[in-house]
Amino acid sequence: MNWLRNIFNVCLLGGLFFLLAFTNVQQDAFPCQGVSVALENEATSFVTRGEVLQMINSLVDSIVGLPLNELPLYEIEKTIEQHALIKVAEVFVLPNGELKVTVTQKEPLVRVQNAMGKSYYLDIEGKPFPLSRNYTQRLMVANGNIIDSVDIAVVSKVAKYIHQNEFWKAQIMQLHINDNKEIELIPRVGNHIILLGGEEEMEAKFEKLMLFYQKGVQQTGWNQYSIINLKYKNQLVCVKR
């Protein structure tokens, strides 16, 4: 009886493999039913769904109705990722025959306007990417004597530090590199300039500034001083207006 059971199991497995292979062949020949584009971080509207569809159509004239096994999934993915405002794309086919495209847009940390008047964004890794014609995100602006990669690295480091603290992120609206290559910060609240100096010891400098905001400002008011100088170690020097 064992040999009959073994023959039955072999036939059952063979039939199962045949059914799966037949199903896969049928599915490969199944026509594409449509295209769905999802923008993961949709609040950052640098790229539209229409632009993504245009990129797909640049590779395939009529993707709907095309057999699933003829869809150039890899080429579609890489073409979308070549867009300067897109970080990553994922392209795959759903069980219902629909082509699914998931797009993650680049997220800006700061908007830069350099000494030559050129504007662009920096991402969290300090990498530049161009502005979008569709959408302008409200961000801290960095401007002034920004010329080379060293200046960009300084801007990125300071902007990243500010971005990671909710209070400073809300308070600091502009980062300026002056002619002496010193960092100046312009706050939203208070009619003064914060002279940071260099990018070293930022934590200690911002701690001094926070202490001044918590205690000094309560006594003098926000508009008593024109400059709050943090560049000297263990000192905070205020210049009256």
Foldseek 3Di string as FASTA:
>chain_A
DVVVVVVVVVVVVVVVVVVVVVVVVVQQQDFAAEEDEAEPPVVPPLDDPVVLVVLLCVVPVDRGGHGNNPRPQVVSQVSVCVDQFWPGWHWDADPVRHIYIYTYTFDFLEWEQEPVRDIFGAGLVLDTTHGGPVDDDQAAYEYEHQDDPVLSVQVNLVSNVQVVDPVSRQFWRYWYQYPVRWIWTDTPPAQAIETQGGSPPPVVLVVVVVVCVVPVCVVQPRYQFHYWYSNDPPDTDTHGD
